[in-house]
């Protein structure tokens, strides 16, 4: 118990409003992080005072304990920054556009790589199948010899041609 309030235990932290969840472009939810938002405004060129002032305005507009899309938060940041530092606001928007374009390119490339991997796996299976068929030709020829068929020369020619083409 503290001297100011005998009912409150020491180191008691008064709970604030529930923290809003930010829904990112990829669908993941992340707890709102004021320091991260301020850092992004500072990186765009806002002074600490300007970033804090803009952050204060934004925090009052966030739904307590609710969810909000990251694009909406970005728009709020841009708008609030434009009121205190238009140049930083433009830098912030440009940086976000570059990040979005980069992420879209990474996603496109990841899809293409996945497609190439699938094609490679399919080709590998086909090659293994052909290799197995080529390996089986001598035993087929042997069986034909034992049965005394006249196709022997034809099959031996096929085997030699396939083996030469394969190698």
Foldseek 3Di string as FASTA:
>chain_A
DDPVDPVDDPPDDDDDFAFEWEQEPVRDTDTDDLVVQLVLLVVLPDDSVLSVQLSVVLVVVDDGHYYDYVVVSLVSSLVSSCVVPPSSSVSSVVVVVVVVVVVVVVVVVVVVVVVVVVVVVVVVVVVVVLVVVLVCLVVVLVVCVVVPDPCNVVSVVVSVVSVVVVD
